[in-house]
């Protein structure tokens, strides 16, 4: 960015005759009414920022939805051994009769 105002500028009556220039370079030279001033900025005036926006390594997610081993249920409904009830009236008492 360079701004130069000469003596023939429309608003020259508000600016001292001469040349005023401002440049965003390493050194700035200003000449006004024959006075030369050169300003060299320090390191703090010229910040250098290096930011790397390289993408992070890709995130790889591997999810296995393979089915679990099949659940095998074997239920045996084979009947229990038959319950055999033997009632013996060997005590000599005859069954009650009406």
Protein backbone atom coordinates (compact mmCIF):
# COMPACT_ATOMS: atom_id res chain seq x y z
CA UNK A 1 0.00 0.00 0.00
CA UNK A 2 1.57 3.22 -1.13
CA UNK A 3 0.04 6.66 -0.64
CA UNK A 4 1.74 9.56 -2.32
CA UNK A 5 0.51 13.14 -2.06
CA UNK A 6 2.18 15.74 -4.24
CA UNK A 7 2.08 19.51 -4.07
CA UNK A 8 -0.50 19.60 -6.85
CA UNK A 9 -2.98 17.34 -5.06
CA UNK A 10 -6.47 18.79 -4.53
CA UNK A 11 -5.97 18.85 -0.76
CA UNK A 12 -2.40 20.09 -0.91
CA UNK A 13 -3.23 23.03 1.32
CA UNK A 14 -3.73 20.70 4.28
CA UNK A 15 -0.52 18.72 3.73
CA UNK A 16 2.95 20.16 3.86
CA UNK A 17 4.56 20.38 0.50
CA UNK A 18 6.71 17.41 -0.24
CA UNK A 19 6.28 13.69 -0.52
CA UNK A 20 4.84 11.41 2.10
CA UNK A 21 4.87 7.74 1.39
CA UNK A 22 4.06 4.78 3.56
CA UNK A 23 5.01 1.35 2.41
CA UNK A 24 4.60 -1.94 4.27
CA UNK A 25 8.13 -3.00 3.51
CA UNK A 26 11.10 -3.73 5.68
CA UNK A 27 12.19 -0.11 5.78
CA UNK A 28 10.10 3.03 5.55
CA UNK A 29 11.53 6.20 4.10
CA UNK A 30 9.75 9.48 4.66
CA UNK A 31 10.82 12.72 3.00
CA UNK A 32 9.11 15.88 4.16
CA UNK A 33 10.41 19.40 3.47
CA UNK A 34 13.83 18.11 2.66
CA UNK A 35 14.15 16.08 5.86
CA UNK A 36 14.86 12.44 5.25
CA UNK A 37 13.91 9.92 7.87
CA UNK A 38 14.41 6.22 7.42
CA UNK A 39 12.83 3.87 9.90
CA UNK A 40 13.73 0.21 9.92
CA UNK A 41 11.29 -1.79 11.97
CA UNK A 42 12.51 -4.23 14.55
CA UNK A 43 11.72 -7.90 14.49
CA UNK A 44 8.61 -7.30 16.57
CA UNK A 45 7.17 -5.11 13.81
CA UNK A 46 7.48 -7.79 11.15
CA UNK A 47 5.77 -10.85 12.57
CA UNK A 48 6.15 -13.99 10.56
CA UNK A 49 3.54 -16.61 11.25
CA UNK A 50 3.83 -19.99 9.67
CA UNK A 51 0.82 -22.14 10.25
CA UNK A 52 0.49 -25.45 8.57
CA UNK A 53 -3.05 -26.48 7.87
CA UNK A 54 -2.14 -29.84 6.51
CA UNK A 55 -4.93 -32.24 7.36
CA UNK A 56 -4.49 -34.61 10.23
CA UNK A 57 -4.02 -38.24 9.35
CA UNK A 58 -7.36 -39.71 8.38
CA UNK A 59 -9.30 -41.37 11.14
CA UNK A 60 -10.04 -44.92 10.11
CA UNK A 61 -12.69 -46.72 12.08
CA UNK A 62 -13.19 -50.39 11.40
CA UNK A 63 -16.20 -51.90 13.04
CA UNK A 64 -16.96 -55.52 12.48
CA UNK A 65 -20.59 -56.47 12.69
CA UNK A 66 -20.03 -60.10 11.95
CA UNK A 67 -22.69 -62.11 13.79
CA UNK A 68 -21.79 -63.84 16.99
CA UNK A 69 -21.57 -67.60 16.87
CA UNK A 70 -25.08 -69.01 16.68
CA UNK A 71 -26.66 -69.84 19.97
CA UNK A 72 -27.76 -73.46 19.89
CA UNK A 73 -30.29 -74.43 22.49
CA UNK A 74 -31.10 -78.08 22.83
CA UNK A 75 -33.99 -78.74 25.10
CA UNK A 76 -35.08 -82.28 25.62
CA UNK A 77 -38.70 -82.75 26.48
CA UNK A 78 -38.49 -86.47 26.75
CA UNK A 79 -40.96 -87.57 29.43
CA UNK A 80 -39.67 -88.37 32.85
CA UNK A 81 -39.82 -91.99 33.85
CA UNK A 82 -43.40 -92.91 34.62
CA UNK A 83 -44.42 -92.52 38.20
CA UNK A 84 -45.66 -95.84 39.40
CA UNK A 85 -47.78 -95.78 42.50
CA UNK A 86 -48.43 -99.10 44.06
CA UNK A 87 -50.81 -99.15 46.94
CA UNK A 88 -50.78 -102.32 48.84
CA UNK A 89 -53.50 -103.31 51.25
CA UNK A 90 -51.44 -106.08 52.62
CA UNK A 91 -52.10 -104.95 56.16
CA UNK A 92 -55.21 -107.13 56.25
CA UNK A 93 -57.59 -104.23 56.45
CA UNK A 94 -60.18 -104.55 53.80
CA UNK A 95 -61.04 -101.37 51.88
CA UNK A 96 -63.83 -99.42 53.43
CA UNK A 97 -67.16 -100.33 52.00
CA UNK A 98 -70.38 -98.56 52.45
